Amino acid sequence: MADWPHDPDGEEGSEGMRKYGQAIVAKKVDEGEDFPLDVAAFVDEHGDEPIRLNYERVVSLEEVFDGVEDDEIGDIQTMHQRVGESMRANGLWEYDPEAEGPESGSA
């Protein structure tokens, strides 16, 4: 495991259950108080914290936000859109709706 400020699978990182990607980012904001969100200040405060993308890959919040061009984000829905766009552009998006899965019967 990288030298993270806390264990991404520990209580602080996962709140008792393993969470992934944007679910972890969403836990770091208070929808009623943190918006509009100052992106630079948010990344300065949380940038070195771990974000688990899948069962074996963990990156920093700064990497997840790399590519978010907004200085300020007005609401949580827009934050999810911008973070999702950034993750897809940077190869961090783990879900492909067109990929064949186990239910497709191909092996």
PDB file of N, CA and C in Angstrom:
ATOM      1  N   MET A   1       0.843  -1.184   0.000  1.00  0.00           N
ATOM      2  CA  MET A   1       0.000   0.000   0.000  1.00  0.00           C
ATOM      3  C   MET A   1       0.885   1.243   0.000  1.00  0.00           C
ATOM      4  N   ALA A   2       0.484   2.249  -0.724  1.00  0.00           N
ATOM      5  CA  ALA A   2       1.212   3.516  -0.760  1.00  0.00           C
ATOM      6  C   ALA A   2       1.164   4.167   0.618  1.00  0.00           C
ATOM      7  N   ASP A   3       1.911   5.212   0.787  1.00  0.00           N
ATOM      8  CA  ASP A   3       1.973   5.914   2.059  1.00  0.00           C
ATOM      9  C   ASP A   3       0.839   6.936   2.133  1.00  0.00           C
ATOM     10  N   TRP A   4      -0.370   6.476   2.403  1.00  0.00           N
ATOM     11  CA  TRP A   4      -1.544   7.343   2.478  1.00  0.00           C
ATOM     12  C   TRP A   4      -1.673   7.908   3.887  1.00  0.00           C
ATOM     13  N   PRO A   5      -2.344   9.075   4.035  1.00  0.00           N
ATOM     14  CA  PRO A   5      -2.542   9.637   5.374  1.00  0.00           C
ATOM     15  C   PRO A   5      -3.437   8.752   6.248  1.00  0.00           C
ATOM     16  N   HIS A   6      -4.245   7.906   5.637  1.00  0.00           N
ATOM     17  CA  HIS A   6      -5.019   6.900   6.364  1.00  0.00           C
ATOM     18  C   HIS A   6      -5.281   5.719   5.439  1.00  0.00           C
ATOM     19  N   ASP A   7      -5.590   4.580   6.024  1.00  0.00           N
ATOM     20  CA  ASP A   7      -5.840   3.350   5.272  1.00  0.00           C
ATOM     21  C   ASP A   7      -7.129   3.503   4.467  1.00  0.00           C
ATOM     22  N   PRO A   8      -7.076   3.368   3.136  1.00  0.00           N
ATOM     23  CA  PRO A   8      -8.295   3.531   2.338  1.00  0.00           C
ATOM     24  C   PRO A   8      -9.367   2.500   2.672  1.00  0.00           C
ATOM     25  N   ASP A   9      -9.000   1.402   3.303  1.00  0.00           N
ATOM     26  CA  ASP A   9      -9.983   0.397   3.697  1.00  0.00           C
ATOM     27  C   ASP A   9     -10.265   0.417   5.190  1.00  0.00           C
ATOM     28  N   GLY A  10      -9.606   1.302   5.917  1.00  0.00           N
ATOM     29  CA  GLY A  10      -9.838   1.417   7.348  1.00  0.00           C
ATOM     30  C   GLY A  10     -11.100   2.213   7.621  1.00  0.00           C
ATOM     31  N   GLU A  11     -11.406   2.391   8.896  1.00  0.00           N
ATOM     32  CA  GLU A  11     -12.634   3.082   9.294  1.00  0.00           C
ATOM     33  C   GLU A  11     -12.716   4.491   8.716  1.00  0.00           C
ATOM     34  N   GLU A  12     -11.616   5.242   8.735  1.00  0.00           N
ATOM     35  CA  GLU A  12     -11.641   6.612   8.221  1.00  0.00           C
ATOM     36  C   GLU A  12     -11.827   6.647   6.707  1.00  0.00           C
ATOM     37  N   GLY A  13     -11.259   5.686   6.010  1.00  0.00           N
ATOM     38  CA  GLY A  13     -11.336   5.679   4.556  1.00  0.00           C
ATOM     39  C   GLY A  13     -12.609   5.094   4.005  1.00  0.00           C
ATOM     40  N   SER A  14     -13.224   4.164   4.744  1.00  0.00           N
ATOM     41  CA  SER A  14     -14.362   3.460   4.164  1.00  0.00           C
ATOM     42  C   SER A  14     -15.606   3.466   5.031  1.00  0.00           C
ATOM     43  N   GLU A  15     -15.531   4.048   6.209  1.00  0.00           N
ATOM     44  CA  GLU A  15     -16.649   4.072   7.140  1.00  0.00           C
ATOM     45  C   GLU A  15     -17.197   2.676   7.393  1.00  0.00           C
ATOM     46  N   GLY A  16     -16.311   1.710   7.536  1.00  0.00           N
ATOM     47  CA  GLY A  16     -16.716   0.356   7.878  1.00  0.00           C
ATOM     48  C   GLY A  16     -17.018  -0.541   6.709  1.00  0.00           C
ATOM     49  N   MET A  17     -17.192   0.012   5.538  1.00  0.00           N
ATOM     50  CA  MET A  17     -17.457  -0.780   4.334  1.00  0.00           C
ATOM     51  C   MET A  17     -16.592  -0.227   3.215  1.00  0.00           C
ATOM     52  N   ARG A  18     -16.185  -1.063   2.320  1.00  0.00           N
ATOM     53  CA  ARG A  18     -15.354  -0.613   1.206  1.00  0.00           C
ATOM     54  C   ARG A  18     -16.227   0.179   0.236  1.00  0.00           C
ATOM     55  N   LYS A  19     -15.823   1.409  -0.027  1.00  0.00           N
ATOM     56  CA  LYS A  19     -16.518   2.271  -0.981  1.00  0.00           C
ATOM     57  C   LYS A  19     -15.517   2.647  -2.064  1.00  0.00           C
ATOM     58  N   TYR A  20     -16.032   3.022  -3.210  1.00  0.00           N
ATOM     59  CA  TYR A  20     -15.183   3.268  -4.369  1.00  0.00           C
ATOM     60  C   TYR A  20     -15.477   4.623  -5.000  1.00  0.00           C
ATOM     61  N   GLY A  21     -14.463   5.196  -5.661  1.00  0.00           N
ATOM     62  CA  GLY A  21     -14.591   6.345  -6.543  1.00  0.00           C
ATOM     63  C   GLY A  21     -15.372   7.515  -5.998  1.00  0.00           C
ATOM     64  N   GLN A  22     -16.397   7.899  -6.730  1.00  0.00           N
ATOM     65  CA  GLN A  22     -17.146   9.100  -6.394  1.00  0.00           C
ATOM     66  C   GLN A  22     -17.891   8.985  -5.075  1.00  0.00           C
ATOM     67  N   ALA A  23     -18.204   7.775  -4.631  1.00  0.00           N
ATOM     68  CA  ALA A  23     -18.854   7.619  -3.325  1.00  0.00           C
ATOM     69  C   ALA A  23     -17.948   8.147  -2.218  1.00  0.00           C
ATOM     70  N   ILE A  24     -16.648   7.958  -2.369  1.00  0.00           N
ATOM     71  CA  ILE A  24     -15.698   8.452  -1.370  1.00  0.00           C
ATOM     72  C   ILE A  24     -15.594   9.969  -1.460  1.00  0.00           C
ATOM     73  N   VAL A  25     -15.541  10.503  -2.669  1.00  0.00           N
ATOM     74  CA  VAL A  25     -15.472  11.957  -2.851  1.00  0.00           C
ATOM     75  C   VAL A  25     -16.706  12.605  -2.236  1.00  0.00           C
ATOM     76  N   ALA A  26     -17.881  12.049  -2.476  1.00  0.00           N
ATOM     77  CA  ALA A  26     -19.128  12.620  -1.966  1.00  0.00           C
ATOM     78  C   ALA A  26     -19.153  12.669  -0.442  1.00  0.00           C
ATOM     79  N   LYS A  27     -18.504  11.716   0.215  1.00  0.00           N
ATOM     80  CA  LYS A  27     -18.462  11.700   1.684  1.00  0.00           C
ATOM     81  C   LYS A  27     -17.624  12.842   2.246  1.00  0.00           C
ATOM     82  N   LYS A  28     -16.826  13.475   1.419  1.00  0.00           N
ATOM     83  CA  LYS A  28     -15.936  14.540   1.876  1.00  0.00           C
ATOM     84  C   LYS A  28     -16.587  15.918   1.813  1.00  0.00           C
ATOM     85  N   VAL A  29     -17.798  16.003   1.293  1.00  0.00           N
ATOM     86  CA  VAL A  29     -18.488  17.290   1.197  1.00  0.00           C
ATOM     87  C   VAL A  29     -19.809  17.239   1.949  1.00  0.00           C
ATOM     88  N   ASP A  30     -20.224  18.389   2.428  1.00  0.00           N
ATOM     89  CA  ASP A  30     -21.535  18.554   3.050  1.00  0.00           C
ATOM     90  C   ASP A  30     -22.383  19.316   2.039  1.00  0.00           C
ATOM     91  N   GLU A  31     -23.374  18.642   1.496  1.00  0.00           N
ATOM     92  CA  GLU A  31     -24.175  19.228   0.418  1.00  0.00           C
ATOM     93  C   GLU A  31     -24.809  20.554   0.824  1.00  0.00           C
ATOM     94  N   GLY A  32     -25.165  20.699   2.085  1.00  0.00           N
ATOM     95  CA  GLY A  32     -25.817  21.920   2.540  1.00  0.00           C
ATOM     96  C   GLY A  32     -24.874  23.066   2.855  1.00  0.00           C
ATOM     97  N   GLU A  33     -23.602  22.759   3.130  1.00  0.00           N
ATOM     98  CA  GLU A  33     -22.688  23.808   3.583  1.00  0.00           C
ATOM     99  C   GLU A  33     -21.488  24.061   2.681  1.00  0.00           C
ATOM    100  N   ASP A  34     -21.075  23.088   1.888  1.00  0.00           N
ATOM    101  CA  ASP A  34     -19.824  23.217   1.133  1.00  0.00           C
ATOM    102  C   ASP A  34     -19.992  23.770  -0.279  1.00  0.00           C
ATOM    103  N   PHE A  35     -21.217  24.004  -0.700  1.00  0.00           N
ATOM    104  CA  PHE A  35     -21.446  24.504  -2.052  1.00  0.00           C
ATOM    105  C   PHE A  35     -21.942  25.927  -1.987  1.00  0.00           C
ATOM    106  N   PRO A  36     -21.480  26.778  -2.912  1.00  0.00           N
ATOM    107  CA  PRO A  36     -20.583  26.431  -4.003  1.00  0.00           C
ATOM    108  C   PRO A  36     -19.219  26.002  -3.457  1.00  0.00           C
ATOM    109  N   LEU A  37     -18.629  25.001  -4.117  1.00  0.00           N
ATOM    110  CA  LEU A  37     -17.375  24.389  -3.699  1.00  0.00           C
ATOM    111  C   LEU A  37     -16.200  25.074  -4.383  1.00  0.00           C
ATOM    112  N   ASP A  38     -15.266  25.577  -3.591  1.00  0.00           N
ATOM    113  CA  ASP A  38     -14.020  26.135  -4.115  1.00  0.00           C
ATOM    114  C   ASP A  38     -13.116  24.942  -4.430  1.00  0.00           C
ATOM    115  N   VAL A  39     -12.949  24.634  -5.704  1.00  0.00           N
ATOM    116  CA  VAL A  39     -12.241  23.419  -6.125  1.00  0.00           C
ATOM    117  C   VAL A  39     -10.798  23.418  -5.635  1.00  0.00           C
ATOM    118  N   ALA A  40     -10.078  24.521  -5.800  1.00  0.00           N
ATOM    119  CA  ALA A  40      -8.668  24.570  -5.384  1.00  0.00           C
ATOM    120  C   ALA A  40      -8.529  24.350  -3.882  1.00  0.00           C
ATOM    121  N   ALA A  41      -9.388  24.978  -3.093  1.00  0.00           N
ATOM    122  CA  ALA A  41      -9.321  24.815  -1.634  1.00  0.00           C
ATOM    123  C   ALA A  41      -9.658  23.382  -1.237  1.00  0.00           C
ATOM    124  N   PHE A  42     -10.637  22.777  -1.898  1.00  0.00           N
ATOM    125  CA  PHE A  42     -11.024  21.397  -1.606  1.00  0.00           C
ATOM    126  C   PHE A  42      -9.880  20.439  -1.919  1.00  0.00           C
ATOM    127  N   VAL A  43      -9.241  20.625  -3.075  1.00  0.00           N
ATOM    128  CA  VAL A  43      -8.121  19.761  -3.454  1.00  0.00           C
ATOM    129  C   VAL A  43      -6.926  20.016  -2.537  1.00  0.00           C
ATOM    130  N   ASP A  44      -6.697  21.274  -2.139  1.00  0.00           N
ATOM    131  CA  ASP A  44      -5.616  21.562  -1.186  1.00  0.00           C
ATOM    132  C   ASP A  44      -5.842  20.827   0.130  1.00  0.00           C
ATOM    133  N   GLU A  45      -7.080  20.795   0.588  1.00  0.00           N
ATOM    134  CA  GLU A  45      -7.399  20.167   1.874  1.00  0.00           C
ATOM    135  C   GLU A  45      -7.384  18.639   1.807  1.00  0.00           C
ATOM    136  N   HIS A  46      -7.867  18.061   0.707  1.00  0.00           N
ATOM    137  CA  HIS A  46      -8.065  16.606   0.629  1.00  0.00           C
ATOM    138  C   HIS A  46      -7.230  15.916  -0.447  1.00  0.00           C
ATOM    139  N   GLY A  47      -6.396  16.651  -1.166  1.00  0.00           N
ATOM    140  CA  GLY A  47      -5.712  16.118  -2.340  1.00  0.00           C
ATOM    141  C   GLY A  47      -4.875  14.881  -2.127  1.00  0.00           C
ATOM    142  N   ASP A  48      -4.278  14.725  -0.948  1.00  0.00           N
ATOM    143  CA  ASP A  48      -3.418  13.562  -0.717  1.00  0.00           C
ATOM    144  C   ASP A  48      -4.172  12.371  -0.133  1.00  0.00           C
ATOM    145  N   GLU A  49      -5.488  12.487   0.008  1.00  0.00           N
ATOM    146  CA  GLU A  49      -6.278  11.397   0.585  1.00  0.00           C
ATOM    147  C   GLU A  49      -6.574  10.328  -0.468  1.00  0.00           C
ATOM    148  N   PRO A  50      -6.649   9.064  -0.041  1.00  0.00           N
ATOM    149  CA  PRO A  50      -6.824   7.959  -0.987  1.00  0.00           C
ATOM    150  C   PRO A  50      -8.259   7.798  -1.474  1.00  0.00           C
ATOM    151  N   ILE A  51      -8.383   7.502  -2.762  1.00  0.00           N
ATOM    152  CA  ILE A  51      -9.667   7.178  -3.384  1.00  0.00           C
ATOM    153  C   ILE A  51      -9.500   5.802  -4.024  1.00  0.00           C
ATOM    154  N   ARG A  52     -10.232   4.817  -3.523  1.00  0.00           N
ATOM    155  CA  ARG A  52     -10.150   3.461  -4.071  1.00  0.00           C
ATOM    156  C   ARG A  52     -11.016   3.395  -5.328  1.00  0.00           C
ATOM    157  N   LEU A  53     -10.414   2.971  -6.441  1.00  0.00           N
ATOM    158  CA  LEU A  53     -11.133   2.857  -7.712  1.00  0.00           C
ATOM    159  C   LEU A  53     -11.700   1.458  -7.919  1.00  0.00           C
ATOM    160  N   ASN A  54     -10.982   0.453  -7.450  1.00  0.00           N
ATOM    161  CA  ASN A  54     -11.450  -0.933  -7.544  1.00  0.00           C
ATOM    162  C   ASN A  54     -10.765  -1.732  -6.442  1.00  0.00           C
ATOM    163  N   TYR A  55     -10.895  -3.035  -6.475  1.00  0.00           N
ATOM    164  CA  TYR A  55     -10.376  -3.843  -5.373  1.00  0.00           C
ATOM    165  C   TYR A  55      -8.868  -3.784  -5.224  1.00  0.00           C
ATOM    166  N   GLU A  56      -8.140  -3.275  -6.236  1.00  0.00           N
ATOM    167  CA  GLU A  56      -6.691  -3.225  -6.114  1.00  0.00           C
ATOM    168  C   GLU A  56      -6.065  -1.869  -6.429  1.00  0.00           C
ATOM    169  N   ARG A  57      -6.819  -0.928  -6.948  1.00  0.00           N
ATOM    170  CA  ARG A  57      -6.244   0.349  -7.383  1.00  0.00           C
ATOM    171  C   ARG A  57      -6.734   1.499  -6.508  1.00  0.00           C
ATOM    172  N   VAL A  58      -5.760   2.259  -5.976  1.00  0.00           N
ATOM    173  CA  VAL A  58      -6.045   3.425  -5.149  1.00  0.00           C
ATOM    174  C   VAL A  58      -5.242   4.597  -5.709  1.00  0.00           C
ATOM    175  N   VAL A  59      -5.898   5.746  -5.862  1.00  0.00           N
ATOM    176  CA  VAL A  59      -5.233   6.967  -6.324  1.00  0.00           C
ATOM    177  C   VAL A  59      -5.570   8.090  -5.350  1.00  0.00           C
ATOM    178  N   SER A  60      -4.918   9.219  -5.511  1.00  0.00           N
ATOM    179  CA  SER A  60      -5.200  10.363  -4.641  1.00  0.00           C
ATOM    180  C   SER A  60      -6.416  11.133  -5.156  1.00  0.00           C
ATOM    181  N   LEU A  61      -7.048  11.872  -4.245  1.00  0.00           N
ATOM    182  CA  LEU A  61      -8.155  12.735  -4.654  1.00  0.00           C
ATOM    183  C   LEU A  61      -7.662  13.761  -5.665  1.00  0.00           C
ATOM    184  N   GLU A  62      -6.427  14.215  -5.506  1.00  0.00           N
ATOM    185  CA  GLU A  62      -5.865  15.171  -6.468  1.00  0.00           C
ATOM    186  C   GLU A  62      -5.871  14.591  -7.881  1.00  0.00           C
ATOM    187  N   GLU A  63      -5.531  13.308  -8.025  1.00  0.00           N
ATOM    188  CA  GLU A  63      -5.561  12.667  -9.345  1.00  0.00           C
ATOM    189  C   GLU A  63      -6.982  12.608  -9.895  1.00  0.00           C
ATOM    190  N   VAL A  64      -7.949  12.351  -9.025  1.00  0.00           N
ATOM    191  CA  VAL A  64      -9.348  12.273  -9.450  1.00  0.00           C
ATOM    192  C   VAL A  64      -9.824  13.634  -9.956  1.00  0.00           C
ATOM    193  N   PHE A  65      -9.369  14.716  -9.322  1.00  0.00           N
ATOM    194  CA  PHE A  65      -9.787  16.068  -9.706  1.00  0.00           C
ATOM    195  C   PHE A  65      -8.918  16.674 -10.805  1.00  0.00           C
ATOM    196  N   ASP A  66      -7.834  15.991 -11.199  1.00  0.00           N
ATOM    197  CA  ASP A  66      -6.969  16.496 -12.252  1.00  0.00           C
ATOM    198  C   ASP A  66      -7.772  16.549 -13.547  1.00  0.00           C
ATOM    199  N   GLY A  67      -7.993  17.718 -14.049  1.00  0.00           N
ATOM    200  CA  GLY A  67      -8.802  17.870 -15.251  1.00  0.00           C
ATOM    201  C   GLY A  67     -10.114  18.591 -14.987  1.00  0.00           C
ATOM    202  N   VAL A  68     -10.503  18.736 -13.724  1.00  0.00           N
ATOM    203  CA  VAL A  68     -11.680  19.552 -13.400  1.00  0.00           C
ATOM    204  C   VAL A  68     -11.247  20.997 -13.585  1.00  0.00           C
ATOM    205  N   GLU A  69     -11.836  21.663 -14.559  1.00  0.00           N
ATOM    206  CA  GLU A  69     -11.399  23.011 -14.915  1.00  0.00           C
ATOM    207  C   GLU A  69     -12.148  24.111 -14.181  1.00  0.00           C
ATOM    208  N   ASP A  70     -13.262  23.781 -13.556  1.00  0.00           N
ATOM    209  CA  ASP A  70     -14.050  24.776 -12.834  1.00  0.00           C
ATOM    210  C   ASP A  70     -13.278  25.283 -11.618  1.00  0.00           C
ATOM    211  N   ASP A  71     -13.344  26.593 -11.366  1.00  0.00           N
ATOM    212  CA  ASP A  71     -12.790  27.154 -10.134  1.00  0.00           C
ATOM    213  C   ASP A  71     -13.748  26.908  -8.979  1.00  0.00           C
ATOM    214  N   GLU A  72     -15.042  26.907  -9.320  1.00  0.00           N
ATOM    215  CA  GLU A  72     -16.089  26.743  -8.319  1.00  0.00           C
ATOM    216  C   GLU A  72     -17.168  25.837  -8.897  1.00  0.00           C
ATOM    217  N   ILE A  73     -17.713  24.970  -8.057  1.00  0.00           N
ATOM    218  CA  ILE A  73     -18.782  24.060  -8.480  1.00  0.00           C
ATOM    219  C   ILE A  73     -20.005  24.362  -7.626  1.00  0.00           C
ATOM    220  N   GLY A  74     -21.142  24.582  -8.291  1.00  0.00           N
ATOM    221  CA  GLY A  74     -22.338  25.069  -7.618  1.00  0.00           C
ATOM    222  C   GLY A  74     -23.108  24.075  -6.779  1.00  0.00           C
ATOM    223  N   ASP A  75     -23.088  22.790  -7.138  1.00  0.00           N
ATOM    224  CA  ASP A  75     -23.872  21.808  -6.388  1.00  0.00           C
ATOM    225  C   ASP A  75     -23.263  20.420  -6.544  1.00  0.00           C
ATOM    226  N   ILE A  76     -23.758  19.479  -5.749  1.00  0.00           N
ATOM    227  CA  ILE A  76     -23.162  18.145  -5.728  1.00  0.00           C
ATOM    228  C   ILE A  76     -23.361  17.404  -7.051  1.00  0.00           C
ATOM    229  N   GLN A  77     -24.485  17.631  -7.728  1.00  0.00           N
ATOM    230  CA  GLN A  77     -24.707  16.967  -9.014  1.00  0.00           C
ATOM    231  C   GLN A  77     -23.664  17.410 -10.041  1.00  0.00           C
ATOM    232  N   THR A  78     -23.400  18.709 -10.077  1.00  0.00           N
ATOM    233  CA  THR A  78     -22.386  19.229 -10.994  1.00  0.00           C
ATOM    234  C   THR A  78     -21.006  18.706 -10.608  1.00  0.00           C
ATOM    235  N   MET A  79     -20.743  18.588  -9.301  1.00  0.00           N
ATOM    236  CA  MET A  79     -19.461  18.030  -8.865  1.00  0.00           C
ATOM    237  C   MET A  79     -19.297  16.610  -9.405  1.00  0.00           C
ATOM    238  N   HIS A  80     -20.345  15.782  -9.274  1.00  0.00           N
ATOM    239  CA  HIS A  80     -20.269  14.412  -9.787  1.00  0.00           C
ATOM    240  C   HIS A  80     -20.029  14.401 -11.301  1.00  0.00           C
ATOM    241  N   GLN A  81     -20.683  15.303 -12.024  1.00  0.00           N
ATOM    242  CA  GLN A  81     -20.487  15.368 -13.475  1.00  0.00           C
ATOM    243  C   GLN A  81     -19.045  15.728 -13.816  1.00  0.00           C
ATOM    244  N   ARG A  82     -18.505  16.765 -13.167  1.00  0.00           N
ATOM    245  CA  ARG A  82     -17.143  17.217 -13.466  1.00  0.00           C
ATOM    246  C   ARG A  82     -16.105  16.171 -13.062  1.00  0.00           C
ATOM    247  N   VAL A  83     -16.288  15.557 -11.903  1.00  0.00           N
ATOM    248  CA  VAL A  83     -15.347  14.527 -11.456  1.00  0.00           C
ATOM    249  C   VAL A  83     -15.425  13.318 -12.384  1.00  0.00           C
ATOM    250  N   GLY A  84     -16.628  12.928 -12.788  1.00  0.00           N
ATOM    251  CA  GLY A  84     -16.780  11.809 -13.717  1.00  0.00           C
ATOM    252  C   GLY A  84     -16.102  12.080 -15.049  1.00  0.00           C
ATOM    253  N   GLU A  85     -16.277  13.293 -15.566  1.00  0.00           N
ATOM    254  CA  GLU A  85     -15.614  13.669 -16.824  1.00  0.00           C
ATOM    255  C   GLU A  85     -14.099  13.589 -16.671  1.00  0.00           C
ATOM    256  N   SER A  86     -13.584  14.104 -15.549  1.00  0.00           N
ATOM    257  CA  SER A  86     -12.141  14.079 -15.295  1.00  0.00           C
ATOM    258  C   SER A  86     -11.628  12.650 -15.176  1.00  0.00           C
ATOM    259  N   MET A  87     -12.360  11.811 -14.459  1.00  0.00           N
ATOM    260  CA  MET A  87     -11.941  10.416 -14.284  1.00  0.00           C
ATOM    261  C   MET A  87     -11.908   9.684 -15.622  1.00  0.00           C
ATOM    262  N   ARG A  88     -12.927   9.889 -16.451  1.00  0.00           N
ATOM    263  CA  ARG A  88     -12.945   9.231 -17.766  1.00  0.00           C
ATOM    264  C   ARG A  88     -11.789   9.729 -18.638  1.00  0.00           C
ATOM    265  N   ALA A  89     -11.553  11.037 -18.631  1.00  0.00           N
ATOM    266  CA  ALA A  89     -10.484  11.611 -19.456  1.00  0.00           C
ATOM    267  C   ALA A  89      -9.098  11.128 -19.024  1.00  0.00           C
ATOM    268  N   ASN A  90      -8.942  10.786 -17.751  1.00  0.00           N
ATOM    269  CA  ASN A  90      -7.638  10.396 -17.216  1.00  0.00           C
ATOM    270  C   ASN A  90      -7.492   8.891 -17.000  1.00  0.00           C
ATOM    271  N   GLY A  91      -8.412   8.108 -17.554  1.00  0.00           N
ATOM    272  CA  GLY A  91      -8.305   6.656 -17.444  1.00  0.00           C
ATOM    273  C   GLY A  91      -8.568   6.110 -16.056  1.00  0.00           C
ATOM    274  N   LEU A  92      -9.332   6.839 -15.245  1.00  0.00           N
ATOM    275  CA  LEU A  92      -9.625   6.404 -13.884  1.00  0.00           C
ATOM    276  C   LEU A  92     -11.032   5.834 -13.736  1.00  0.00           C
ATOM    277  N   TRP A  93     -11.817   5.879 -14.791  1.00  0.00           N
ATOM    278  CA  TRP A  93     -13.203   5.408 -14.736  1.00  0.00           C
ATOM    279  C   TRP A  93     -13.199   3.897 -14.881  1.00  0.00           C
ATOM    280  N   GLU A  94     -13.739   3.194 -13.913  1.00  0.00           N
ATOM    281  CA  GLU A  94     -13.660   1.737 -13.875  1.00  0.00           C
ATOM    282  C   GLU A  94     -14.861   1.044 -14.510  1.00  0.00           C
ATOM    283  N   TYR A  95     -15.914   1.772 -14.825  1.00  0.00           N
ATOM    284  CA  TYR A  95     -17.138   1.160 -15.330  1.00  0.00           C
ATOM    285  C   TYR A  95     -17.266   1.381 -16.827  1.00  0.00           C
ATOM    286  N   ASP A  96     -17.499   0.317 -17.563  1.00  0.00           N
ATOM    287  CA  ASP A  96     -17.738   0.398 -19.000  1.00  0.00           C
ATOM    288  C   ASP A  96     -19.046  -0.324 -19.285  1.00  0.00           C
ATOM    289  N   PRO A  97     -20.125   0.416 -19.567  1.00  0.00           N
ATOM    290  CA  PRO A  97     -21.425  -0.228 -19.761  1.00  0.00           C
ATOM    291  C   PRO A  97     -21.476  -1.137 -20.985  1.00  0.00           C
ATOM    292  N   GLU A  98     -20.509  -1.010 -21.891  1.00  0.00           N
ATOM    293  CA  GLU A  98     -20.515  -1.847 -23.089  1.00  0.00           C
ATOM    294  C   GLU A  98     -19.588  -3.048 -22.975  1.00  0.00           C
ATOM    295  N   ALA A  99     -18.863  -3.149 -21.877  1.00  0.00           N
ATOM    296  CA  ALA A  99     -17.958  -4.290 -21.686  1.00  0.00           C
ATOM    297  C   ALA A  99     -18.769  -5.545 -21.403  1.00  0.00           C
ATOM    298  N   GLU A 100     -18.245  -6.666 -21.868  1.00  0.00           N
ATOM    299  CA  GLU A 100     -18.917  -7.924 -21.600  1.00  0.00           C
ATOM    300  C   GLU A 100     -18.617  -8.347 -20.178  1.00  0.00           C
ATOM    301  N   GLY A 101     -19.660  -8.698 -19.462  1.00  0.00           N
ATOM    302  CA  GLY A 101     -19.508  -9.140 -18.081  1.00  0.00           C
ATOM    303  C   GLY A 101     -19.822 -10.610 -17.949  1.00  0.00           C
ATOM    304  N   PRO A 102     -19.773 -11.123 -16.733  1.00  0.00           N
ATOM    305  CA  PRO A 102     -20.013 -12.545 -16.515  1.00  0.00           C
ATOM    306  C   PRO A 102     -21.404 -12.994 -16.948  1.00  0.00           C
ATOM    307  N   GLU A 103     -22.369 -12.076 -16.914  1.00  0.00           N
ATOM    308  CA  GLU A 103     -23.725 -12.461 -17.300  1.00  0.00           C
ATOM    309  C   GLU A 103     -23.868 -12.659 -18.804  1.00  0.00           C
ATOM    310  N   SER A 104     -22.878 -12.227 -19.585  1.00  0.00           N
ATOM    311  CA  SER A 104     -22.977 -12.351 -21.040  1.00  0.00           C
ATOM    312  C   SER A 104     -22.681 -13.764 -21.528  1.00  0.00           C
ATOM    313  N   GLY A 105     -22.103 -14.588 -20.653  1.00  0.00           N
ATOM    314  CA  GLY A 105     -21.814 -15.969 -21.031  1.00  0.00           C
ATOM    315  C   GLY A 105     -20.516 -16.144 -21.771  1.00  0.00           C
ATOM    316  N   SER A 106     -19.779 -15.052 -22.014  1.00  0.00           N
ATOM    317  CA  SER A 106     -18.493 -15.194 -22.698  1.00  0.00           C
ATOM    318  C   SER A 106     -17.394 -15.377 -21.673  1.00  0.00           C
ATOM    319  N   ALA A 107     -16.420 -16.195 -22.029  1.00  0.00           N
ATOM    320  CA  ALA A 107     -15.311 -16.422 -21.099  1.00  0.00           C
ATOM    321  C   ALA A 107     -14.010 -16.470 -21.848  1.00  0.00           C
TER     322      ALA A 107
END
